[in-house]
């Protein structure tokens, strides 16, 4: 199958020196890409600014901002893909108008006006309804019940096929391991206990390849 995976953070310029970003390391997306290649899928990656190493056989498109990642992803999906895995932590907000040059350091305070970025998974599913879309939902400090509720809401609202939810208050960005709750379109849930992202990637791929068949909780 032909697979497109996004990974890493985006950087939203405040001026030509500073930017807003997330702490995403790209490790989960990289693990998913490597596992997809191991399973003989044709994998392309669209990557924000990260230091992860990917197998040479994987085509990599590098971007910086949310606008670039969204634009390049939709453009690439237009070439025909079977699966889209959105593992990137795209910034939810971006400055309306970055300042040219550098904002002076002597200011007592200053404000930044932000605007919402579009939701890439929503746009992908809207434009390519036959595409199998896998999203990630990272939250902070929620109960398991609330985490599942929010992830399920996103899945239903956007018509996604699979969503992987995790609490970065427990295992933060950059960790080598994570806990994941998998929710599919049939509301079947799988709770994957703390394990390496490499192992979690295998479990996620098992579910993708089974499509809508239930995955057993561990």
Protein backbone atom coordinates (compact mmCIF):
# COMPACT_ATOMS: atom_id res chain seq x y z
CA UNK A 1 0.00 0.00 0.00
CA UNK A 2 1.03 3.58 -0.57
CA UNK A 3 1.41 5.43 2.73
CA UNK A 4 1.98 9.08 3.65
CA UNK A 5 3.12 9.93 7.19
CA UNK A 6 3.61 13.35 8.78
CA UNK A 7 5.90 13.70 11.77
CA UNK A 8 7.59 16.20 14.06
CA UNK A 9 6.60 19.73 15.09
CA UNK A 10 6.00 22.86 13.07
CA UNK A 11 7.59 26.25 13.74
CA UNK A 12 5.35 29.32 13.55
CA UNK A 13 7.44 32.51 13.16
CA UNK A 14 6.85 35.41 15.55
CA UNK A 15 9.65 37.37 13.92
CA UNK A 16 12.66 36.28 11.87
CA UNK A 17 14.41 34.94 14.98
CA UNK A 18 11.68 33.55 17.24
CA UNK A 19 8.91 31.05 16.69
CA UNK A 20 6.12 29.10 18.42
CA UNK A 21 6.46 25.33 18.36
CA UNK A 22 5.76 22.08 20.22
CA UNK A 23 8.21 19.65 21.77
CA UNK A 24 7.48 16.87 19.30
CA UNK A 25 10.57 14.79 18.51
CA UNK A 26 9.13 12.92 15.53
CA UNK A 27 10.07 9.57 17.10
CA UNK A 28 6.59 8.05 16.91
CA UNK A 29 6.17 9.03 13.28
CA UNK A 30 9.64 7.73 12.46
CA UNK A 31 8.84 4.40 14.12
CA UNK A 32 5.62 4.14 12.10
CA UNK A 33 7.47 4.96 8.88
CA UNK A 34 10.20 2.38 9.52
CA UNK A 35 7.61 -0.28 10.42
CA UNK A 36 5.57 0.52 7.33
CA UNK A 37 8.66 0.08 5.17
CA UNK A 38 9.48 -3.20 6.95
CA UNK A 39 6.01 -4.43 5.97
CA UNK A 40 6.78 -3.66 2.32
CA UNK A 41 4.59 -0.56 2.02
CA UNK A 42 5.63 2.39 -0.14
CA UNK A 43 6.26 5.12 2.46
CA UNK A 44 6.62 8.88 2.04
CA UNK A 45 7.24 11.18 5.00
CA UNK A 46 6.51 14.88 5.38
CA UNK A 47 8.68 16.05 8.25
CA UNK A 48 8.87 19.13 10.40
CA UNK A 49 12.24 20.18 11.90
CA UNK A 50 13.52 17.03 13.66
CA UNK A 51 16.75 15.06 14.08
CA UNK A 52 15.33 11.56 13.60
CA UNK A 53 17.00 9.21 11.13
CA UNK A 54 14.81 7.45 8.58
CA UNK A 55 15.67 4.54 6.25
CA UNK A 56 17.14 5.69 2.95
CA UNK A 57 14.33 4.06 0.96
CA UNK A 58 11.78 6.45 2.45
CA UNK A 59 11.10 9.62 0.48
CA UNK A 60 11.22 12.64 2.84
CA UNK A 61 9.72 16.06 2.19
CA UNK A 62 10.90 18.66 4.71
CA UNK A 63 8.73 21.56 5.84
CA UNK A 64 8.83 24.14 8.60
CA UNK A 65 5.48 25.84 9.22
CA UNK A 66 1.96 24.48 9.69
CA UNK A 67 0.94 26.15 6.44
CA UNK A 68 3.74 24.36 4.60
CA UNK A 69 2.95 21.00 6.19
CA UNK A 70 -0.76 21.24 5.42
CA UNK A 71 -0.17 22.44 1.87
CA UNK A 72 2.50 19.87 1.03
CA UNK A 73 0.50 17.03 2.58
CA UNK A 74 -2.67 17.80 0.63
CA UNK A 75 -0.64 18.24 -2.53
CA UNK A 76 1.10 14.90 -2.01
CA UNK A 77 -2.14 13.11 -1.15
CA UNK A 78 -3.48 14.28 -4.49
CA UNK A 79 -1.00 11.92 -6.14
CA UNK A 80 -2.96 8.95 -4.79
CA UNK A 81 -2.42 7.24 -1.43
CA UNK A 82 -4.11 4.39 0.42
CA UNK A 83 -3.26 5.45 3.98
CA UNK A 84 -2.47 8.76 5.66
CA UNK A 85 -0.98 8.70 9.17
CA UNK A 86 -0.95 12.15 10.76
CA UNK A 87 1.63 11.80 13.53
CA UNK A 88 2.94 15.38 13.36
CA UNK A 89 2.24 17.80 16.20
CA UNK A 90 1.12 20.68 14.01
CA UNK A 91 0.83 23.95 15.93
CA UNK A 92 -2.81 24.79 16.62
CA UNK A 93 -2.13 28.53 16.37
CA UNK A 94 0.12 30.77 14.34
CA UNK A 95 0.84 34.53 14.49
CA UNK A 96 -1.34 36.61 12.20
CA UNK A 97 1.60 38.55 10.83
CA UNK A 98 5.22 37.73 11.75
CA UNK A 99 7.34 40.81 12.43
CA UNK A 100 10.04 41.51 9.89
CA UNK A 101 13.47 41.54 11.46
CA UNK A 102 13.82 40.97 15.21
CA UNK A 103 11.56 42.27 17.98
CA UNK A 104 13.67 44.32 20.37
CA UNK A 105 14.62 42.72 23.69
CA UNK A 106 14.13 45.93 25.71
CA UNK A 107 10.33 45.89 25.62
CA UNK A 108 8.53 45.62 28.97
CA UNK A 109 5.89 43.43 27.36
CA UNK A 110 4.27 42.81 24.00
CA UNK A 111 1.33 40.84 22.65
CA UNK A 112 1.08 38.36 19.81
CA UNK A 113 -2.22 37.92 17.99
CA UNK A 114 -2.75 34.31 16.93
CA UNK A 115 -5.08 32.60 14.49
CA UNK A 116 -6.22 28.99 14.23
CA UNK A 117 -4.52 26.63 11.82
CA UNK A 118 -6.77 24.27 9.83
CA UNK A 119 -7.00 20.67 11.06
CA UNK A 120 -5.04 18.61 8.56
CA UNK A 121 -6.86 15.34 9.20
CA UNK A 122 -10.21 17.02 8.66
CA UNK A 123 -9.05 18.59 5.38
CA UNK A 124 -7.53 15.31 4.19
CA UNK A 125 -10.70 13.31 4.85
CA UNK A 126 -12.89 16.00 3.29
CA UNK A 127 -10.85 16.14 0.08
CA UNK A 128 -10.11 12.43 -0.13
CA UNK A 129 -13.09 10.60 1.43
CA UNK A 130 -11.83 7.17 0.37
CA UNK A 131 -8.49 7.66 2.13
CA UNK A 132 -7.83 5.66 5.31
CA UNK A 133 -6.86 8.36 7.81
CA UNK A 134 -5.07 7.71 11.10
CA UNK A 135 -4.80 10.62 13.55
CA UNK A 136 -3.03 11.17 16.84
CA UNK A 137 -4.64 13.02 19.75
CA UNK A 138 -2.21 14.29 22.38
CA UNK A 139 -3.70 15.70 25.58
CA UNK A 140 -2.25 16.73 28.91
CA UNK A 141 -3.21 15.59 32.40
CA UNK A 142 -6.59 14.06 31.62
CA UNK A 143 -8.33 11.06 33.12
CA UNK A 144 -8.43 8.04 30.85
CA UNK A 145 -12.18 8.50 30.45
CA UNK A 146 -11.82 12.10 29.32
CA UNK A 147 -8.94 11.25 26.99
CA UNK A 148 -11.06 8.61 25.27
CA UNK A 149 -14.00 11.00 25.10
CA UNK A 150 -11.99 13.75 23.40
CA UNK A 151 -10.30 11.37 20.97
CA UNK A 152 -13.62 9.71 20.08
CA UNK A 153 -15.17 13.12 19.51
CA UNK A 154 -12.44 14.08 17.03
CA UNK A 155 -12.75 10.73 15.24
CA UNK A 156 -16.50 11.11 14.83
CA UNK A 157 -16.44 14.83 14.02
CA UNK A 158 -13.89 14.42 11.22
CA UNK A 159 -15.01 11.00 9.99
CA UNK A 160 -11.60 9.45 10.64
CA UNK A 161 -10.81 5.74 10.51
CA UNK A 162 -8.45 5.38 13.46
CA UNK A 163 -7.17 7.58 16.26
CA UNK A 164 -4.32 7.04 18.71
CA UNK A 165 -4.68 8.97 21.96
CA UNK A 166 -1.99 9.61 24.53
CA UNK A 167 -1.40 11.80 27.56
CA UNK A 168 1.81 13.78 27.23
CA UNK A 169 1.53 14.67 30.89
CA UNK A 170 2.56 11.05 31.58
CA UNK A 171 4.99 10.47 28.74
CA UNK A 172 6.02 13.79 27.27
CA UNK A 173 7.20 14.74 23.83
CA UNK A 174 10.61 13.25 23.10
CA UNK A 175 10.12 10.13 25.22
CA UNK A 176 11.30 6.83 23.79
CA UNK A 177 8.22 5.05 25.12
CA UNK A 178 4.55 5.88 25.40
CA UNK A 179 1.11 4.62 26.38
CA UNK A 180 -1.53 4.68 23.66
CA UNK A 181 -5.27 4.15 23.48
CA UNK A 182 -6.46 3.09 20.04
CA UNK A 183 -9.98 3.92 18.93
CA UNK A 184 -11.35 2.92 15.55
CA UNK A 185 -14.41 3.84 13.56
CA UNK A 186 -16.42 1.10 15.26
CA UNK A 187 -15.54 2.50 18.67
CA UNK A 188 -13.39 -0.55 19.48
CA UNK A 189 -10.75 0.46 22.03
CA UNK A 190 -7.32 -1.01 22.71
CA UNK A 191 -5.19 0.13 25.62
CA UNK A 192 -1.51 -0.34 24.87
CA UNK A 193 0.53 -0.15 28.09
CA UNK A 194 3.86 1.65 28.36
CA UNK A 195 6.21 0.33 25.68
CA UNK A 196 8.78 1.58 23.21
CA UNK A 197 7.47 3.61 20.30
CA UNK A 198 8.89 0.96 18.02
CA UNK A 199 6.70 -1.68 19.66
CA UNK A 200 3.67 0.63 19.63
CA UNK A 201 4.21 1.25 15.92
CA UNK A 202 3.93 -2.50 15.31
CA UNK A 203 0.65 -2.64 17.24
CA UNK A 204 -0.77 0.35 15.37
CA UNK A 205 0.22 -1.16 12.03
CA UNK A 206 -1.37 -4.48 13.02
CA UNK A 207 -4.62 -2.62 13.45
CA UNK A 208 -4.30 -0.59 10.26
CA UNK A 209 -3.70 -3.72 8.21
CA UNK A 210 -6.71 -5.42 9.74
CA UNK A 211 -8.67 -2.29 8.86
CA UNK A 212 -11.81 -2.37 10.99
CA UNK A 213 -11.27 -5.68 12.72
CA UNK A 214 -11.02 -5.32 16.53
CA UNK A 215 -7.59 -5.27 18.13
CA UNK A 216 -7.27 -7.07 21.45
CA UNK A 217 -6.37 -4.93 24.45
CA UNK A 218 -3.11 -5.85 26.14
